[in-house]
C-alpha atoms as a PDB file:
ATOM      1  CA  MET A   1     -72.109 129.696 -66.740  1.00  0.00           C
ATOM      2  CA  PRO A   2     -73.991 131.612 -69.291  1.00  0.00           C
ATOM      3  CA  GLN A   3     -77.684 131.300 -69.229  1.00  0.00           C
ATOM      4  CA  THR A   4     -77.827 129.900 -72.981  1.00  0.00           C
ATOM      5  CA  ILE A   5     -74.983 127.360 -73.438  1.00  0.00           C
ATOM      6  CA  LYS A   6     -73.817 126.756 -77.005  1.00  0.00           C
ATOM      7  CA  LEU A   7     -73.176 123.268 -77.989  1.00  0.00           C
ATOM      8  CA  ALA A   8     -71.475 122.482 -81.682  1.00  0.00           C
ATOM      9  CA  LEU A   9     -71.571 119.287 -83.098  1.00  0.00           C
ATOM     10  CA  LEU A  10     -68.931 118.590 -85.575  1.00  0.00           C
ATOM     11  CA  ASP A  11     -68.651 116.607 -88.918  1.00  0.00           C
ATOM     12  CA  ASP A  12     -71.946 115.686 -89.614  1.00  0.00           C
ATOM     13  CA  TYR A  13     -70.896 114.778 -93.052  1.00  0.00           C
ATOM     14  CA  GLN A  14     -74.057 112.916 -93.548  1.00  0.00           C
ATOM     15  CA  LYS A  15     -76.383 115.440 -92.139  1.00  0.00           C
ATOM     16  CA  VAL A  16     -78.038 112.997 -89.839  1.00  0.00           C
ATOM     17  CA  ALA A  17     -77.220 114.223 -86.313  1.00  0.00           C
ATOM     18  CA  LEU A  18     -80.453 116.076 -85.856  1.00  0.00           C
ATOM     19  CA  ARG A  19     -82.401 112.971 -86.725  1.00  0.00           C
ATOM     20  CA  LEU A  20     -80.852 110.224 -84.920  1.00  0.00           C
ATOM     21  CA  GLY A  21     -80.484 112.023 -81.228  1.00  0.00           C
ATOM     22  CA  ASP A  22     -83.163 113.121 -78.911  1.00  0.00           C
ATOM     23  CA  TRP A  23     -81.783 116.733 -78.807  1.00  0.00           C
ATOM     24  CA  ASP A  24     -84.994 118.079 -77.198  1.00  0.00           C
ATOM     25  CA  ARG A  25     -83.980 117.033 -74.096  1.00  0.00           C
ATOM     26  CA  LEU A  26     -80.804 119.025 -74.166  1.00  0.00           C
ATOM     27  CA  ARG A  27     -83.010 122.029 -75.751  1.00  0.00           C
ATOM     28  CA  LYS A  28     -85.170 121.948 -72.700  1.00  0.00           C
ATOM     29  CA  ARG A  29     -82.186 122.721 -70.397  1.00  0.00           C
ATOM     30  CA  GLY A  30     -81.345 126.159 -72.490  1.00  0.00           C
ATOM     31  CA  ILE A  31     -78.799 124.396 -74.717  1.00  0.00           C
ATOM     32  CA  GLU A  32     -78.457 126.068 -78.386  1.00  0.00           C
ATOM     33  CA  ILE A  33     -77.278 123.549 -80.684  1.00  0.00           C
ATOM     34  CA  THR A  34     -75.426 124.453 -84.009  1.00  0.00           C
ATOM     35  CA  VAL A  35     -74.395 121.420 -86.301  1.00  0.00           C
ATOM     36  CA  PHE A  36     -71.400 121.546 -88.851  1.00  0.00           C
ATOM     37  CA  ASN A  37     -71.628 119.448 -91.690  1.00  0.00           C
ATOM     38  CA  GLN A  38     -68.384 120.559 -93.516  1.00  0.00           C
ATOM     39  CA  PRO A  39     -64.677 120.068 -92.297  1.00  0.00           C
ATOM     40  CA  PHE A  40     -62.965 123.014 -91.167  1.00  0.00           C
ATOM     41  CA  SER A  41     -60.264 124.087 -93.682  1.00  0.00           C
ATOM     42  CA  SER A  42     -57.633 124.803 -91.129  1.00  0.00           C
ATOM     43  CA  VAL A  43     -56.896 125.457 -87.489  1.00  0.00           C
ATOM     44  CA  ASP A  44     -57.773 129.151 -88.046  1.00  0.00           C
ATOM     45  CA  ASP A  45     -61.062 128.411 -89.683  1.00  0.00           C
ATOM     46  CA  ALA A  46     -62.190 126.084 -86.749  1.00  0.00           C
ATOM     47  CA  VAL A  47     -60.899 128.750 -83.988  1.00  0.00           C
ATOM     48  CA  GLN A  48     -63.003 131.393 -85.734  1.00  0.00           C
ATOM     49  CA  LYS A  49     -66.070 128.984 -86.206  1.00  0.00           C
ATOM     50  CA  LEU A  50     -65.914 127.456 -82.623  1.00  0.00           C
ATOM     51  CA  ALA A  51     -64.755 130.197 -80.390  1.00  0.00           C
ATOM     52  CA  PRO A  52     -68.272 130.900 -79.133  1.00  0.00           C
ATOM     53  CA  PHE A  53     -69.397 127.324 -77.840  1.00  0.00           C
ATOM     54  CA  GLN A  54     -68.749 125.865 -74.397  1.00  0.00           C
ATOM     55  CA  ILE A  55     -69.244 122.398 -75.673  1.00  0.00           C
ATOM     56  CA  LEU A  56     -68.124 120.599 -78.850  1.00  0.00           C
ATOM     57  CA  GLY A  57     -69.434 117.086 -79.806  1.00  0.00           C
ATOM     58  CA  LEU A  58     -66.680 115.631 -81.643  1.00  0.00           C
ATOM     59  CA  LEU A  59     -67.272 112.592 -84.217  1.00  0.00           C
ATOM     60  CA  ARG A  60     -64.469 109.983 -83.745  1.00  0.00           C
ATOM     61  CA  GLU A  61     -61.268 111.278 -85.592  1.00  0.00           C
ATOM     62  CA  ARG A  62     -62.844 113.382 -88.197  1.00  0.00           C
ATOM     63  CA  THR A  63     -61.427 116.940 -86.945  1.00  0.00           C
ATOM     64  CA  ALA A  64     -58.224 116.942 -85.447  1.00  0.00           C
ATOM     65  CA  PHE A  65     -58.087 118.558 -81.859  1.00  0.00           C
ATOM     66  CA  PRO A  66     -54.454 119.319 -81.566  1.00  0.00           C
ATOM     67  CA  ARG A  67     -53.008 121.692 -78.573  1.00  0.00           C
ATOM     68  CA  ALA A  68     -52.841 124.856 -81.041  1.00  0.00           C
ATOM     69  CA  LEU A  69     -56.582 124.674 -81.505  1.00  0.00           C
ATOM     70  CA  ILE A  70     -57.733 123.435 -77.987  1.00  0.00           C
ATOM     71  CA  GLU A  71     -55.940 126.902 -76.352  1.00  0.00           C
ATOM     72  CA  ARG A  72     -57.496 129.070 -78.692  1.00  0.00           C
ATOM     73  CA  LEU A  73     -60.865 128.419 -77.707  1.00  0.00           C
ATOM     74  CA  PRO A  74     -61.746 130.777 -74.899  1.00  0.00           C
ATOM     75  CA  ASN A  75     -64.996 129.810 -74.003  1.00  0.00           C
ATOM     76  CA  LEU A  76     -64.752 125.991 -74.258  1.00  0.00           C
ATOM     77  CA  LYS A  77     -65.804 124.145 -71.231  1.00  0.00           C
ATOM     78  CA  PHE A  78     -66.834 120.534 -71.999  1.00  0.00           C
ATOM     79  CA  MET A  79     -66.003 117.959 -74.655  1.00  0.00           C
ATOM     80  CA  VAL A  80     -67.731 114.673 -75.945  1.00  0.00           C
ATOM     81  CA  LEU A  81     -66.089 112.546 -77.915  1.00  0.00           C
ATOM     82  CA  THR A  82     -67.753 109.568 -79.803  1.00  0.00           C
ATOM     83  CA  GLY A  83     -65.964 106.051 -79.393  1.00  0.00           C
ATOM     84  CA  ALA A  84     -63.458 105.422 -76.305  1.00  0.00           C
ATOM     85  CA  ARG A  85     -60.224 107.248 -77.634  1.00  0.00           C
ATOM     86  CA  ALA A  86     -58.952 109.016 -80.704  1.00  0.00           C
ATOM     87  CA  ALA A  87     -55.329 109.486 -81.411  1.00  0.00           C
ATOM     88  CA  SER A  88     -56.392 112.995 -83.308  1.00  0.00           C
ATOM     89  CA  LEU A  89     -57.458 114.710 -79.607  1.00  0.00           C
ATOM     90  CA  ASP A  90     -54.788 115.960 -77.213  1.00  0.00           C
ATOM     91  CA  ASP A  91     -56.569 115.118 -74.271  1.00  0.00           C
ATOM     92  CA  LYS A  92     -53.805 116.422 -72.415  1.00  0.00           C
ATOM     93  CA  ALA A  93     -54.053 119.991 -73.629  1.00  0.00           C
ATOM     94  CA  ALA A  94     -57.458 119.959 -72.555  1.00  0.00           C
ATOM     95  CA  THR A  95     -56.412 118.721 -69.260  1.00  0.00           C
ATOM     96  CA  ASP A  96     -54.146 121.471 -68.875  1.00  0.00           C
ATOM     97  CA  ARG A  97     -57.038 124.011 -69.331  1.00  0.00           C
ATOM     98  CA  GLY A  98     -59.279 122.147 -67.220  1.00  0.00           C
ATOM     99  CA  ILE A  99     -61.318 120.870 -69.976  1.00  0.00           C
ATOM    100  CA  PRO A 100     -63.032 117.500 -68.990  1.00  0.00           C
ATOM    101  CA  ILE A 101     -63.602 114.995 -72.045  1.00  0.00           C
ATOM    102  CA  SER A 102     -66.170 112.494 -71.819  1.00  0.00           C
ATOM    103  CA  THR A 103     -66.642 109.325 -74.184  1.00  0.00           C
ATOM    104  CA  THR A 104     -69.361 107.093 -75.466  1.00  0.00           C
ATOM    105  CA  PRO A 105     -67.482 103.788 -74.466  1.00  0.00           C
ATOM    106  CA  GLY A 106     -68.407 100.514 -75.849  1.00  0.00           C
ATOM    107  CA  GLY A 107     -68.799 101.908 -79.328  1.00  0.00           C
ATOM    108  CA  GLY A 108     -72.007  99.675 -79.872  1.00  0.00           C
ATOM    109  CA  SER A 109     -71.515  96.534 -82.226  1.00  0.00           C
ATOM    110  CA  ASN A 110     -68.259  96.217 -84.187  1.00  0.00           C
ATOM    111  CA  ALA A 111     -70.155  94.628 -87.070  1.00  0.00           C
ATOM    112  CA  PRO A 112     -70.479  97.802 -89.338  1.00  0.00           C
ATOM    113  CA  THR A 113     -66.666  98.211 -89.634  1.00  0.00           C
ATOM    114  CA  ALA A 114     -66.208  94.450 -89.853  1.00  0.00           C
ATOM    115  CA  GLU A 115     -68.781  93.856 -92.499  1.00  0.00           C
ATOM    116  CA  LEU A 116     -67.284  96.992 -94.356  1.00  0.00           C
ATOM    117  CA  GLY A 117     -63.826  95.623 -94.010  1.00  0.00           C
ATOM    118  CA  TRP A 118     -64.919  92.341 -95.599  1.00  0.00           C
ATOM    119  CA  ALA A 119     -66.924  94.122 -98.368  1.00  0.00           C
ATOM    120  CA  LEU A 120     -63.511  96.314 -99.364  1.00  0.00           C
ATOM    121  CA  LEU A 121     -61.586  92.797 -99.347  1.00  0.00           C
ATOM    122  CA  MET A 122     -64.042  91.550-101.917  1.00  0.00           C
ATOM    123  CA  MET A 123     -64.292  94.330-103.670  1.00  0.00           C
ATOM    124  CA  CYS A 124     -60.501  94.173-104.304  1.00  0.00           C
ATOM    125  CA  ALA A 125     -60.045  90.756-104.943  1.00  0.00           C
ATOM    126  CA  ARG A 126     -62.395  91.062-107.932  1.00  0.00           C
ATOM    127  CA  ASP A 127     -62.135  94.605-108.822  1.00  0.00           C
ATOM    128  CA  LEU A 128     -65.398  95.843-108.764  1.00  0.00           C
ATOM    129  CA  ALA A 129     -64.754  99.729-108.422  1.00  0.00           C
ATOM    130  CA  LYS A 130     -63.058  99.968-111.848  1.00  0.00           C
ATOM    131  CA  ALA A 131     -65.657  97.078-113.172  1.00  0.00           C
ATOM    132  CA  GLU A 132     -68.588  99.346-112.130  1.00  0.00           C
ATOM    133  CA  ARG A 133     -66.772 102.489-113.477  1.00  0.00           C
ATOM    134  CA  LEU A 134     -66.183 100.491-116.960  1.00  0.00           C
ATOM    135  CA  ALA A 135     -69.905  99.546-116.905  1.00  0.00           C
ATOM    136  CA  ARG A 136     -71.043 102.613-116.649  1.00  0.00           C
ATOM    137  CA  GLN A 137     -68.612 103.775-119.621  1.00  0.00           C
ATOM    138  CA  GLY A 138     -69.981 100.816-121.794  1.00  0.00           C
ATOM    139  CA  LYS A 139     -66.719  99.313-122.109  1.00  0.00           C
ATOM    140  CA  TRP A 140     -67.858  96.086-120.224  1.00  0.00           C
ATOM    141  CA  HIS A 141     -65.153  93.697-119.840  1.00  0.00           C
ATOM    142  CA  ASP A 142     -62.365  96.066-121.486  1.00  0.00           C
ATOM    143  CA  GLY A 143     -59.563  96.550-118.623  1.00  0.00           C
ATOM    144  CA  ILE A 144     -60.575  93.821-116.069  1.00  0.00           C
ATOM    145  CA  GLU A 145     -57.656  91.949-115.559  1.00  0.00           C
ATOM    146  CA  GLN A 146     -57.842  91.324-111.546  1.00  0.00           C
ATOM    147  CA  MET A 147     -59.853  87.994-110.811  1.00  0.00           C
ATOM    148  CA  VAL A 148     -59.045  86.772-107.605  1.00  0.00           C
ATOM    149  CA  VAL A 149     -61.027  83.868-105.839  1.00  0.00           C
ATOM    150  CA  LEU A 150     -60.878  83.956-101.889  1.00  0.00           C
ATOM    151  CA  GLU A 151     -61.117  80.153-101.479  1.00  0.00           C
ATOM    152  CA  GLY A 152     -57.923  78.633-100.919  1.00  0.00           C
ATOM    153  CA  LYS A 153     -55.772  81.719-100.238  1.00  0.00           C
ATOM    154  CA  ARG A 154     -54.139  83.061 -97.225  1.00  0.00           C
ATOM    155  CA  LEU A 155     -55.440  85.402 -95.298  1.00  0.00           C
ATOM    156  CA  GLY A 156     -52.865  87.508 -93.195  1.00  0.00           C
ATOM    157  CA  ILE A 157     -54.498  89.781 -90.065  1.00  0.00           C
ATOM    158  CA  LEU A 158     -52.641  92.220 -88.499  1.00  0.00           C
ATOM    159  CA  GLY A 159     -54.354  92.647 -84.597  1.00  0.00           C
ATOM    160  CA  LEU A 160     -56.546  89.725 -83.998  1.00  0.00           C
ATOM    161  CA  GLY A 161     -58.668  91.808 -81.357  1.00  0.00           C
ATOM    162  CA  LYS A 162     -62.645  92.295 -81.785  1.00  0.00           C
ATOM    163  CA  LEU A 163     -62.398  93.334 -85.459  1.00  0.00           C
ATOM    164  CA  GLY A 164     -59.572  90.860 -86.168  1.00  0.00           C
ATOM    165  CA  SER A 165     -61.451  87.984 -84.858  1.00  0.00           C
ATOM    166  CA  ARG A 166     -64.327  88.818 -86.995  1.00  0.00           C
ATOM    167  CA  ALA A 167     -62.190  89.279 -90.330  1.00  0.00           C
ATOM    168  CA  ALA A 168     -60.494  85.669 -89.363  1.00  0.00           C
ATOM    169  CA  HIS A 169     -64.151  84.035 -88.919  1.00  0.00           C
ATOM    170  CA  TYR A 170     -65.218  85.554 -92.323  1.00  0.00           C
ATOM    171  CA  GLY A 171     -62.350  84.244 -93.902  1.00  0.00           C
ATOM    172  CA  LYS A 172     -62.743  80.750 -92.552  1.00  0.00           C
ATOM    173  CA  ALA A 173     -66.496  81.038 -93.866  1.00  0.00           C
ATOM    174  CA  PHE A 174     -64.927  81.611 -97.245  1.00  0.00           C
ATOM    175  CA  GLY A 175     -62.527  78.509 -97.344  1.00  0.00           C
ATOM    176  CA  MET A 176     -59.263  80.391 -96.533  1.00  0.00           C
ATOM    177  CA  ASP A 177     -56.337  79.771 -94.406  1.00  0.00           C
ATOM    178  CA  VAL A 178     -56.090  82.290 -91.851  1.00  0.00           C
ATOM    179  CA  VAL A 179     -52.925  83.517 -90.021  1.00  0.00           C
ATOM    180  CA  ALA A 180     -52.471  86.433 -87.552  1.00  0.00           C
ATOM    181  CA  TRP A 181     -49.582  88.215 -86.151  1.00  0.00           C
ATOM    182  CA  SER A 182     -49.560  91.380 -83.493  1.00  0.00           C
ATOM    183  CA  GLN A 183     -46.761  92.393 -80.988  1.00  0.00           C
ATOM    184  CA  ASN A 184     -48.662  90.705 -78.064  1.00  0.00           C
ATOM    185  CA  LEU A 185     -50.346  87.958 -79.918  1.00  0.00           C
ATOM    186  CA  THR A 186     -49.690  84.262 -78.863  1.00  0.00           C
ATOM    187  CA  PRO A 187     -50.457  81.157 -80.873  1.00  0.00           C
ATOM    188  CA  GLU A 188     -52.917  80.174 -77.892  1.00  0.00           C
ATOM    189  CA  LYS A 189     -54.843  83.857 -78.578  1.00  0.00           C
ATOM    190  CA  ALA A 190     -54.591  83.398 -82.099  1.00  0.00           C
ATOM    191  CA  ALA A 191     -56.391  79.909 -82.117  1.00  0.00           C
ATOM    192  CA  ALA A 192     -59.093  81.219 -79.873  1.00  0.00           C
ATOM    193  CA  GLY A 193     -59.626  84.257 -82.262  1.00  0.00           C
ATOM    194  CA  GLY A 194     -59.995  81.924 -85.322  1.00  0.00           C
ATOM    195  CA  ALA A 195     -56.280  81.945 -86.718  1.00  0.00           C
ATOM    196  CA  LYS A 196     -53.101  80.601 -86.780  1.00  0.00           C
ATOM    197  CA  TYR A 197     -50.236  82.547 -85.067  1.00  0.00           C
ATOM    198  CA  VAL A 198     -47.525  83.418 -87.134  1.00  0.00           C
ATOM    199  CA  SER A 199     -44.298  86.175 -87.507  1.00  0.00           C
ATOM    200  CA  LYS A 200     -44.830  89.160 -89.069  1.00  0.00           C
ATOM    201  CA  ASP A 201     -42.414  88.392 -91.524  1.00  0.00           C
ATOM    202  CA  GLU A 202     -44.034  85.063 -92.439  1.00  0.00           C
ATOM    203  CA  LEU A 203     -47.636  86.670 -92.708  1.00  0.00           C
ATOM    204  CA  LEU A 204     -46.118  88.960 -94.917  1.00  0.00           C
ATOM    205  CA  ALA A 205     -44.385  86.989 -97.237  1.00  0.00           C
ATOM    206  CA  THR A 206     -47.008  83.917 -97.745  1.00  0.00           C
ATOM    207  CA  SER A 207     -50.179  86.028 -97.235  1.00  0.00           C
ATOM    208  CA  ASP A 208     -52.519  86.487-100.390  1.00  0.00           C
ATOM    209  CA  PHE A 209     -54.652  89.519 -98.626  1.00  0.00           C
ATOM    210  CA  VAL A 210     -53.290  91.564 -95.705  1.00  0.00           C
ATOM    211  CA  SER A 211     -55.992  92.921 -93.598  1.00  0.00           C
ATOM    212  CA  ILE A 212     -55.003  95.559 -90.835  1.00  0.00           C
ATOM    213  CA  HIS A 213     -56.880  95.537 -87.623  1.00  0.00           C
ATOM    214  CA  LEU A 214     -54.562  97.558 -85.262  1.00  0.00           C
ATOM    215  CA  ALA A 215     -55.233 100.208 -83.235  1.00  0.00           C
ATOM    216  CA  LEU A 216     -52.855 103.486 -84.110  1.00  0.00           C
ATOM    217  CA  SER A 217     -50.141 103.938 -81.349  1.00  0.00           C
ATOM    218  CA  ASP A 218     -46.489 104.869 -81.044  1.00  0.00           C
ATOM    219  CA  ARG A 219     -45.737 101.160 -81.679  1.00  0.00           C
ATOM    220  CA  THR A 220     -47.871 100.978 -85.099  1.00  0.00           C
ATOM    221  CA  ARG A 221     -47.510 103.799 -86.521  1.00  0.00           C
ATOM    222  CA  GLY A 222     -45.521 103.432 -89.804  1.00  0.00           C
ATOM    223  CA  LEU A 223     -45.980  99.680 -88.880  1.00  0.00           C
ATOM    224  CA  ILE A 224     -45.961  98.660 -92.732  1.00  0.00           C
ATOM    225  CA  GLY A 225     -43.328 100.634 -94.662  1.00  0.00           C
ATOM    226  CA  ALA A 226     -41.149 100.308 -97.671  1.00  0.00           C
ATOM    227  CA  ALA A 227     -39.464  97.114 -96.348  1.00  0.00           C
ATOM    228  CA  GLU A 228     -42.776  95.255 -95.059  1.00  0.00           C
ATOM    229  CA  LEU A 229     -44.324  95.914 -98.341  1.00  0.00           C
ATOM    230  CA  ALA A 230     -41.594  94.551-100.398  1.00  0.00           C
ATOM    231  CA  LYS A 231     -41.683  91.509 -98.569  1.00  0.00           C
ATOM    232  CA  MET A 232     -45.330  90.873 -99.793  1.00  0.00           C
ATOM    233  CA  LYS A 233     -46.095  88.655-102.782  1.00  0.00           C
ATOM    234  CA  LYS A 234     -46.671  90.790-106.124  1.00  0.00           C
ATOM    235  CA  THR A 235     -49.994  89.328-106.377  1.00  0.00           C
ATOM    236  CA  ALA A 236     -50.839  90.426-102.863  1.00  0.00           C
ATOM    237  CA  ILE A 237     -53.953  92.817-101.798  1.00  0.00           C
ATOM    238  CA  LEU A 238     -53.457  95.198 -98.839  1.00  0.00           C
ATOM    239  CA  VAL A 239     -56.607  96.284 -97.067  1.00  0.00           C
ATOM    240  CA  ASN A 240     -56.630  98.942 -94.302  1.00  0.00           C
ATOM    241  CA  THR A 241     -60.069  99.707 -92.230  1.00  0.00           C
ATOM    242  CA  SER A 242     -58.027 100.565 -89.038  1.00  0.00           C
ATOM    243  CA  ARG A 243     -55.748 104.151 -89.159  1.00  0.00           C
ATOM    244  CA  GLY A 244     -53.973 105.526 -92.350  1.00  0.00           C
ATOM    245  CA  PRO A 245     -50.731 106.120 -90.523  1.00  0.00           C
ATOM    246  CA  ILE A 246     -50.629 102.440 -89.579  1.00  0.00           C
ATOM    247  CA  VAL A 247     -49.247 102.218 -93.212  1.00  0.00           C
ATOM    248  CA  ASP A 248     -46.358 104.487 -94.575  1.00  0.00           C
ATOM    249  CA  GLU A 249     -48.314 106.220 -97.162  1.00  0.00           C
ATOM    250  CA  ALA A 250     -45.513 107.532 -99.449  1.00  0.00           C
ATOM    251  CA  ALA A 251     -44.254 104.008 -99.261  1.00  0.00           C
ATOM    252  CA  LEU A 252     -47.547 102.650-100.267  1.00  0.00           C
ATOM    253  CA  ILE A 253     -48.182 105.172-103.201  1.00  0.00           C
ATOM    254  CA  ALA A 254     -44.604 103.883-104.545  1.00  0.00           C
ATOM    255  CA  ALA A 255     -45.451 100.117-103.804  1.00  0.00           C
ATOM    256  CA  LEU A 256     -48.908 100.702-106.150  1.00  0.00           C
ATOM    257  CA  LYS A 257     -46.959 102.421-108.556  1.00  0.00           C
ATOM    258  CA  ASN A 258     -44.034 100.012-109.046  1.00  0.00           C
ATOM    259  CA  ARG A 259     -46.990  96.983-108.704  1.00  0.00           C
ATOM    260  CA  THR A 260     -44.772  95.835-105.902  1.00  0.00           C
ATOM    261  CA  ILE A 261     -48.103  94.257-104.571  1.00  0.00           C
ATOM    262  CA  MET A 262     -51.079  94.222-106.925  1.00  0.00           C
ATOM    263  CA  HIS A 263     -53.967  96.092-105.042  1.00  0.00           C
ATOM    264  CA  ALA A 264     -54.746  98.082-102.208  1.00  0.00           C
ATOM    265  CA  GLY A 265     -58.086  98.863-100.555  1.00  0.00           C
ATOM    266  CA  LEU A 266     -58.333 101.886 -98.235  1.00  0.00           C
ATOM    267  CA  ASP A 267     -61.083 103.218 -95.890  1.00  0.00           C
ATOM    268  CA  VAL A 268     -58.589 105.487 -93.998  1.00  0.00           C
ATOM    269  CA  TYR A 269     -55.927 108.004 -94.582  1.00  0.00           C
ATOM    270  CA  ASP A 270     -53.081 110.242 -93.247  1.00  0.00           C
ATOM    271  CA  LYS A 271     -55.465 113.049 -93.722  1.00  0.00           C
ATOM    272  CA  GLU A 272     -59.218 113.242 -93.858  1.00  0.00           C
ATOM    273  CA  PRO A 273     -60.998 114.046 -95.875  1.00  0.00           C
ATOM    274  CA  MET A 274     -58.446 113.188 -98.498  1.00  0.00           C
ATOM    275  CA  SER A 275     -58.151 115.904-101.199  1.00  0.00           C
ATOM    276  CA  ALA A 276     -59.460 115.258-104.567  1.00  0.00           C
ATOM    277  CA  ASP A 277     -56.010 115.415-106.370  1.00  0.00           C
ATOM    278  CA  HIS A 278     -54.506 112.926-103.830  1.00  0.00           C
ATOM    279  CA  PRO A 279     -51.639 110.684-105.521  1.00  0.00           C
ATOM    280  CA  PHE A 280     -54.140 107.670-104.416  1.00  0.00           C
ATOM    281  CA  THR A 281     -56.812 109.252-106.909  1.00  0.00           C
ATOM    282  CA  LYS A 282     -54.484 108.706-109.713  1.00  0.00           C
ATOM    283  CA  LEU A 283     -53.876 105.074-109.379  1.00  0.00           C
ATOM    284  CA  ASP A 284     -56.064 102.153-110.803  1.00  0.00           C
ATOM    285  CA  ASN A 285     -55.127  99.660-108.475  1.00  0.00           C
ATOM    286  CA  VAL A 286     -56.444 101.125-105.361  1.00  0.00           C
ATOM    287  CA  THR A 287     -59.959 100.862-103.987  1.00  0.00           C
ATOM    288  CA  LEU A 288     -60.943 104.165-102.144  1.00  0.00           C
ATOM    289  CA  ILE A 289     -64.133 104.771 -99.965  1.00  0.00           C
ATOM    290  CA  PRO A 290     -64.177 107.808 -97.465  1.00  0.00           C
ATOM    291  CA  HIS A 291     -63.856 105.998 -93.757  1.00  0.00           C
ATOM    292  CA  LEU A 292     -67.278 104.361 -93.759  1.00  0.00           C
ATOM    293  CA  GLY A 293     -66.440 101.595 -91.263  1.00  0.00           C
ATOM    294  CA  TYR A 294     -69.130 102.969 -88.583  1.00  0.00           C
ATOM    295  CA  VAL A 295     -71.390 105.286 -90.900  1.00  0.00           C
ATOM    296  CA  VAL A 296     -74.381 103.296 -90.406  1.00  0.00           C
ATOM    297  CA  GLU A 297     -77.608 104.469 -88.631  1.00  0.00           C
ATOM    298  CA  GLU A 298     -77.096 102.040 -85.618  1.00  0.00           C
ATOM    299  CA  SER A 299     -73.982 103.486 -84.748  1.00  0.00           C
ATOM    300  CA  TYR A 300     -74.887 107.329 -84.999  1.00  0.00           C
ATOM    301  CA  ARG A 301     -77.845 106.390 -83.035  1.00  0.00           C
ATOM    302  CA  TYR A 302     -75.470 104.945 -80.247  1.00  0.00           C
ATOM    303  CA  PHE A 303     -73.118 107.797 -80.234  1.00  0.00           C
ATOM    304  CA  TYR A 304     -75.592 110.486 -80.155  1.00  0.00           C
ATOM    305  CA  GLU A 305     -77.525 109.154 -77.541  1.00  0.00           C
ATOM    306  CA  GLY A 306     -73.905 108.758 -75.588  1.00  0.00           C
ATOM    307  CA  THR A 307     -73.369 112.346 -76.367  1.00  0.00           C
ATOM    308  CA  ILE A 308     -76.707 113.407 -75.149  1.00  0.00           C
ATOM    309  CA  LYS A 309     -76.365 111.100 -71.806  1.00  0.00           C
ATOM    310  CA  ASP A 310     -72.641 112.890 -71.210  1.00  0.00           C
ATOM    311  CA  ILE A 311     -73.702 116.400 -71.460  1.00  0.00           C
ATOM    312  CA  GLU A 312     -76.704 115.679 -69.249  1.00  0.00           C
ATOM    313  CA  ALA A 313     -74.426 113.997 -66.545  1.00  0.00           C
ATOM    314  CA  TRP A 314     -71.955 117.480 -67.052  1.00  0.00           C
ATOM    315  CA  LEU A 315     -74.921 119.777 -66.540  1.00  0.00           C
ATOM    316  CA  ASP A 316     -75.596 117.913 -63.717  1.00  0.00           C
ATOM    317  CA  GLY A 317     -72.667 118.431 -62.082  1.00  0.00           C
ATOM    318  CA  LYS A 318     -71.539 114.688 -62.395  1.00  0.00           C
ATOM    319  CA  PRO A 319     -69.713 113.957 -65.547  1.00  0.00           C
ATOM    320  CA  ILE A 320     -69.729 110.472 -66.750  1.00  0.00           C
ATOM    321  CA  ASN A 321     -67.297 108.688 -68.906  1.00  0.00           C
ATOM    322  CA  VAL A 322     -64.300 111.136 -68.248  1.00  0.00           C
ATOM    323  CA  LEU A 323     -61.397 110.317 -70.585  1.00  0.00           C
ATOM    324  CA  ASN A 324     -59.352 112.714 -68.352  1.00  0.00           C
ATOM    325  CA  PRO A 325     -60.452 112.888 -64.828  1.00  0.00           C
ATOM    326  CA  GLU A 326     -57.535 114.889 -63.781  1.00  0.00           C
ATOM    327  CA  ALA A 327     -59.219 117.790 -65.575  1.00  0.00           C
ATOM    328  CA  LEU A 328     -62.119 117.665 -62.868  1.00  0.00           C
ATOM    329  CA  LYS A 329     -59.719 118.546 -60.093  1.00  0.00           C
END
């Protein structure tokens, strides 16, 4: 290895990375740190800028790392991924090149994402994003038509894991009727998670709010498409704080345009960052926020501390939290 090892910390959109981690621990060991706080414009752009680096610190799923990128980084020796997994990272391509990937498992508290999801649901219920825009324009109540109270309404939760269970308890606290479905959910597990088990069709057809809390996988990609949206109430509100591709984006755009459903609240998208001219930005019945689920100081401190520990272990020749142990053989 070269005497000076170059580390790139990617996608620090909030420009907090250097403040929220004890990076001097790595600098003292000869690590030169560069922070990128803007997304790359293309794979070619990423290749050009990342080619000199031996270590990459990836922030969740912001920059995708397909094989086409990994194979073009000649100096890459080690990667750290915040979180436990990322569908946007081709770990097999890294394994084929003998590049280990360490993670920061545990993720800290689920509270930031769960709270953000509930805040988004409440924003949608009262159309607060539109109300805020109108207030700034001096229009006061003009155009405010959507006024939905939560109490007594049905909340349908797709995925009743740690985040889904939190949403269920929030719903109960607001006096909602909470139901849930996922491929492996049982009535007993649903009850333990604070919800009543129903079929997916019943959940879609009867829920006033549908909130998605599923991991992205081959089974869940496109789980909510045109047929599923058509089953929902015309007054229904769909909230997705999980992963964009779980909902067919084109189908959702059409459903919102045609008022098949009343409103959607989105924190996640097929491609991130979302372009300024995306069709969602032209619709007035969708509330958009820029993937803020884990964007809190506590989460960042956890991620960056985990990144530093992973790099220290790799420098010591004893890598920890390795996602692809085959790369070490």
